[in-house]
Amino acid sequence: MSILIKPIITEKATNDSELFNRYAFVVNKKANKVEIKNAVEEAYGVSIESVRTMNYPVQRNTKYTKSGIVQAMKGAYKKAIVQLAEGNNIDFYSNI
């Protein structure tokens, strides 16, 4: 079971990483905080102070168009915000 799915690289997440040393990841829905902490420490070689998680539900969308009703669905996911210890950082762009 892969714990870390992908890092979240948005304007808000980048601002958080620069100002508060917090990084965001999309993680497995069944992973708990201890598993997320161990996975990030192992993958990036950093020490972690805290982990916060958020569960996002499925989002359904319906549009009424000329060609009929169009329905869309965005899947559910879990997001983790990881607070690193002072002096640590993660560079997502090092191997581009």
N, C-alpha and C. Protein backbone atom coordinates (compact mmCIF):
# COMPACT_ATOMS: atom_id res chain seq x y z
N MET A 1 0.85 -1.18 0.00
CA MET A 1 0.00 0.00 0.00
C MET A 1 0.89 1.24 0.00
N SER A 2 0.75 2.05 -1.02
CA SER A 2 1.52 3.28 -1.11
C SER A 2 0.80 4.37 -0.31
N ILE A 3 1.48 4.96 0.64
CA ILE A 3 0.88 5.97 1.50
C ILE A 3 0.80 7.31 0.78
N LEU A 4 1.93 7.79 0.25
CA LEU A 4 1.96 9.08 -0.43
C LEU A 4 1.57 8.89 -1.90
N ILE A 5 0.56 9.60 -2.35
CA ILE A 5 0.14 9.51 -3.74
C ILE A 5 0.84 10.58 -4.56
N LYS A 6 0.73 11.85 -4.15
CA LYS A 6 1.42 12.93 -4.86
C LYS A 6 1.46 14.17 -3.97
N PRO A 7 2.45 15.03 -4.18
CA PRO A 7 2.47 16.31 -3.45
C PRO A 7 1.48 17.28 -4.08
N ILE A 8 0.97 18.18 -3.27
CA ILE A 8 0.07 19.22 -3.77
C ILE A 8 0.90 20.48 -3.99
N ILE A 9 0.96 20.92 -5.24
CA ILE A 9 1.74 22.09 -5.58
C ILE A 9 0.78 23.15 -6.14
N THR A 10 0.20 23.92 -5.25
CA THR A 10 -0.68 25.01 -5.62
C THR A 10 -0.09 26.31 -5.06
N GLU A 11 -0.71 27.41 -5.39
CA GLU A 11 -0.22 28.69 -4.90
C GLU A 11 -0.30 28.75 -3.37
N LYS A 12 -1.40 28.28 -2.83
CA LYS A 12 -1.58 28.31 -1.38
C LYS A 12 -0.59 27.36 -0.67
N ALA A 13 -0.40 26.17 -1.22
CA ALA A 13 0.53 25.21 -0.61
C ALA A 13 1.97 25.70 -0.70
N THR A 14 2.34 26.33 -1.82
CA THR A 14 3.69 26.86 -1.97
C THR A 14 3.93 28.00 -0.99
N ASN A 15 2.94 28.85 -0.80
CA ASN A 15 3.05 29.95 0.15
C ASN A 15 3.22 29.40 1.58
N ASP A 16 2.46 28.36 1.91
CA ASP A 16 2.59 27.72 3.23
C ASP A 16 3.98 27.13 3.43
N SER A 17 4.53 26.54 2.38
CA SER A 17 5.85 25.93 2.52
C SER A 17 6.94 26.98 2.71
N GLU A 18 6.79 28.12 2.06
CA GLU A 18 7.79 29.18 2.19
C GLU A 18 7.70 29.90 3.54
N LEU A 19 6.49 30.18 4.00
CA LEU A 19 6.32 30.95 5.23
C LEU A 19 6.35 30.10 6.51
N PHE A 20 5.69 28.95 6.49
CA PHE A 20 5.49 28.18 7.71
C PHE A 20 6.14 26.80 7.70
N ASN A 21 6.84 26.45 6.62
CA ASN A 21 7.52 25.16 6.50
C ASN A 21 6.53 24.00 6.58
N ARG A 22 5.35 24.17 5.92
CA ARG A 22 4.31 23.15 5.86
C ARG A 22 4.17 22.68 4.42
N TYR A 23 4.01 21.38 4.24
CA TYR A 23 3.89 20.80 2.91
C TYR A 23 2.62 19.96 2.84
N ALA A 24 1.98 19.94 1.67
CA ALA A 24 0.72 19.23 1.50
C ALA A 24 0.90 18.04 0.55
N PHE A 25 0.22 16.94 0.87
CA PHE A 25 0.27 15.73 0.07
C PHE A 25 -1.13 15.14 -0.05
N VAL A 26 -1.40 14.51 -1.19
CA VAL A 26 -2.57 13.65 -1.32
C VAL A 26 -2.10 12.27 -0.87
N VAL A 27 -2.82 11.68 0.07
CA VAL A 27 -2.40 10.41 0.65
C VAL A 27 -3.50 9.37 0.51
N ASN A 28 -3.15 8.14 0.81
CA ASN A 28 -4.11 7.05 0.77
C ASN A 28 -5.22 7.31 1.80
N LYS A 29 -6.47 7.01 1.42
CA LYS A 29 -7.61 7.31 2.29
C LYS A 29 -7.60 6.51 3.59
N LYS A 30 -6.94 5.36 3.59
CA LYS A 30 -6.93 4.51 4.79
C LYS A 30 -5.71 4.75 5.68
N ALA A 31 -4.81 5.64 5.28
CA ALA A 31 -3.59 5.89 6.06
C ALA A 31 -3.90 6.77 7.27
N ASN A 32 -3.23 6.47 8.39
CA ASN A 32 -3.39 7.32 9.57
C ASN A 32 -2.19 8.27 9.69
N LYS A 33 -2.20 9.11 10.70
CA LYS A 33 -1.17 10.15 10.85
C LYS A 33 0.22 9.56 11.09
N VAL A 34 0.31 8.49 11.84
CA VAL A 34 1.61 7.87 12.12
C VAL A 34 2.20 7.29 10.84
N GLU A 35 1.38 6.62 10.04
CA GLU A 35 1.86 6.06 8.77
C GLU A 35 2.29 7.16 7.81
N ILE A 36 1.55 8.26 7.77
CA ILE A 36 1.90 9.39 6.90
C ILE A 36 3.23 9.99 7.35
N LYS A 37 3.40 10.17 8.65
CA LYS A 37 4.64 10.73 9.18
C LYS A 37 5.83 9.86 8.81
N ASN A 38 5.72 8.56 9.00
CA ASN A 38 6.81 7.64 8.67
C ASN A 38 7.11 7.63 7.18
N ALA A 39 6.08 7.70 6.34
CA ALA A 39 6.28 7.67 4.89
C ALA A 39 7.00 8.92 4.40
N VAL A 40 6.64 10.10 4.93
CA VAL A 40 7.29 11.34 4.52
C VAL A 40 8.73 11.37 5.02
N GLU A 41 8.97 10.95 6.26
CA GLU A 41 10.33 10.92 6.79
C GLU A 41 11.21 9.98 5.98
N GLU A 42 10.68 8.84 5.57
CA GLU A 42 11.45 7.88 4.79
C GLU A 42 11.70 8.37 3.36
N ALA A 43 10.70 8.99 2.75
CA ALA A 43 10.82 9.40 1.35
C ALA A 43 11.73 10.62 1.18
N TYR A 44 11.66 11.58 2.11
CA TYR A 44 12.38 12.84 1.94
C TYR A 44 13.51 13.06 2.94
N GLY A 45 13.67 12.21 3.93
CA GLY A 45 14.75 12.33 4.89
C GLY A 45 14.67 13.57 5.76
N VAL A 46 13.48 13.89 6.25
CA VAL A 46 13.27 15.07 7.10
C VAL A 46 12.62 14.62 8.41
N SER A 47 12.65 15.50 9.42
CA SER A 47 11.95 15.21 10.67
C SER A 47 10.68 16.06 10.73
N ILE A 48 9.63 15.48 11.27
CA ILE A 48 8.30 16.08 11.22
C ILE A 48 7.82 16.40 12.63
N GLU A 49 7.23 17.59 12.79
CA GLU A 49 6.65 17.99 14.07
C GLU A 49 5.21 17.53 14.19
N SER A 50 4.39 17.79 13.16
CA SER A 50 2.97 17.44 13.25
C SER A 50 2.41 17.10 11.89
N VAL A 51 1.29 16.36 11.91
CA VAL A 51 0.58 15.99 10.70
C VAL A 51 -0.89 16.30 10.91
N ARG A 52 -1.49 17.00 9.95
CA ARG A 52 -2.93 17.26 9.98
C ARG A 52 -3.55 16.64 8.73
N THR A 53 -4.71 16.02 8.87
CA THR A 53 -5.35 15.36 7.74
C THR A 53 -6.76 15.90 7.52
N MET A 54 -7.19 15.84 6.26
CA MET A 54 -8.52 16.26 5.88
C MET A 54 -9.09 15.27 4.88
N ASN A 55 -10.32 14.85 5.08
CA ASN A 55 -11.00 13.96 4.13
C ASN A 55 -11.96 14.79 3.29
N TYR A 56 -11.82 14.68 1.97
CA TYR A 56 -12.69 15.39 1.04
C TYR A 56 -13.65 14.40 0.41
N PRO A 57 -14.98 14.68 0.42
CA PRO A 57 -15.96 13.74 -0.13
C PRO A 57 -16.03 13.83 -1.66
N VAL A 58 -16.80 12.93 -2.23
CA VAL A 58 -17.05 12.95 -3.67
C VAL A 58 -17.84 14.21 -4.01
N GLN A 59 -17.47 14.87 -5.11
CA GLN A 59 -18.20 16.06 -5.56
C GLN A 59 -18.91 15.73 -6.86
N ARG A 60 -20.22 15.87 -6.87
CA ARG A 60 -21.01 15.60 -8.07
C ARG A 60 -21.45 16.93 -8.68
N ASN A 61 -21.49 16.96 -10.01
CA ASN A 61 -21.80 18.20 -10.72
C ASN A 61 -22.75 17.86 -11.87
N THR A 62 -23.79 18.67 -12.06
CA THR A 62 -24.74 18.48 -13.15
C THR A 62 -24.86 19.79 -13.91
N LYS A 63 -24.71 19.70 -15.24
CA LYS A 63 -24.86 20.86 -16.10
C LYS A 63 -25.98 20.60 -17.10
N TYR A 64 -26.80 21.60 -17.31
CA TYR A 64 -27.86 21.51 -18.30
C TYR A 64 -27.42 22.25 -19.55
N THR A 65 -27.14 21.52 -20.62
CA THR A 65 -26.63 22.11 -21.85
C THR A 65 -27.61 21.89 -22.99
N LYS A 66 -27.29 22.43 -24.16
CA LYS A 66 -28.14 22.25 -25.34
C LYS A 66 -28.24 20.78 -25.74
N SER A 67 -27.18 20.05 -25.55
CA SER A 67 -27.17 18.64 -25.96
C SER A 67 -27.73 17.71 -24.88
N GLY A 68 -28.15 18.25 -23.76
CA GLY A 68 -28.75 17.44 -22.71
C GLY A 68 -28.06 17.66 -21.36
N ILE A 69 -28.33 16.77 -20.45
CA ILE A 69 -27.77 16.86 -19.11
C ILE A 69 -26.40 16.19 -19.11
N VAL A 70 -25.39 16.90 -18.61
CA VAL A 70 -24.04 16.37 -18.49
C VAL A 70 -23.72 16.24 -17.00
N GLN A 71 -23.37 15.04 -16.59
CA GLN A 71 -23.05 14.81 -15.19
C GLN A 71 -21.56 14.49 -15.05
N ALA A 72 -20.95 15.06 -14.02
CA ALA A 72 -19.53 14.84 -13.76
C ALA A 72 -19.35 14.48 -12.30
N MET A 73 -18.22 13.84 -12.00
CA MET A 73 -17.94 13.46 -10.63
C MET A 73 -16.45 13.58 -10.37
N LYS A 74 -16.10 14.21 -9.25
CA LYS A 74 -14.72 14.30 -8.80
C LYS A 74 -14.58 13.39 -7.59
N GLY A 75 -13.65 12.47 -7.63
CA GLY A 75 -13.51 11.45 -6.61
C GLY A 75 -13.10 11.98 -5.25
N ALA A 76 -13.33 11.18 -4.23
CA ALA A 76 -12.95 11.52 -2.87
C ALA A 76 -11.45 11.29 -2.68
N TYR A 77 -10.84 12.08 -1.79
CA TYR A 77 -9.42 11.92 -1.50
C TYR A 77 -9.13 12.43 -0.09
N LYS A 78 -7.94 12.10 0.38
CA LYS A 78 -7.49 12.54 1.71
C LYS A 78 -6.25 13.40 1.52
N LYS A 79 -6.22 14.53 2.21
CA LYS A 79 -5.09 15.45 2.13
C LYS A 79 -4.41 15.53 3.48
N ALA A 80 -3.08 15.57 3.45
CA ALA A 80 -2.30 15.68 4.69
C ALA A 80 -1.42 16.92 4.62
N ILE A 81 -1.43 17.72 5.68
CA ILE A 81 -0.55 18.87 5.81
C ILE A 81 0.52 18.47 6.83
N VAL A 82 1.79 18.52 6.40
CA VAL A 82 2.90 18.08 7.22
C VAL A 82 3.73 19.28 7.64
N GLN A 83 3.90 19.47 8.95
CA GLN A 83 4.72 20.54 9.51
C GLN A 83 6.11 19.98 9.79
N LEU A 84 7.12 20.51 9.11
CA LEU A 84 8.48 20.03 9.30
C LEU A 84 9.15 20.73 10.47
N ALA A 85 10.16 20.08 11.02
CA ALA A 85 10.94 20.67 12.10
C ALA A 85 11.77 21.82 11.56
N GLU A 86 12.20 22.70 12.43
CA GLU A 86 12.99 23.88 12.06
C GLU A 86 14.28 23.45 11.37
N GLY A 87 14.58 24.08 10.25
CA GLY A 87 15.81 23.78 9.52
C GLY A 87 15.66 22.74 8.42
N ASN A 88 14.55 22.03 8.36
CA ASN A 88 14.30 21.04 7.31
C ASN A 88 13.48 21.66 6.19
N ASN A 89 13.67 21.15 4.97
CA ASN A 89 12.81 21.55 3.86
C ASN A 89 12.78 20.44 2.83
N ILE A 90 11.78 20.48 1.96
CA ILE A 90 11.60 19.49 0.89
C ILE A 90 11.67 20.24 -0.43
N ASP A 91 12.50 19.73 -1.36
CA ASP A 91 12.62 20.34 -2.67
C ASP A 91 11.98 19.41 -3.69
N PHE A 92 10.77 19.76 -4.16
CA PHE A 92 10.05 18.93 -5.12
C PHE A 92 10.66 19.03 -6.52
N TYR A 93 11.40 20.08 -6.81
CA TYR A 93 11.89 20.34 -8.16
C TYR A 93 13.35 19.92 -8.36
N SER A 94 13.93 19.17 -7.44
CA SER A 94 15.36 18.84 -7.54
C SER A 94 15.66 17.87 -8.68
N ASN A 95 14.76 16.97 -9.03
CA ASN A 95 15.04 15.99 -10.07
C ASN A 95 14.26 16.24 -11.36
N ILE A 96 14.09 17.50 -11.72
CA ILE A 96 13.45 17.84 -13.00
C ILE A 96 14.52 18.02 -14.05
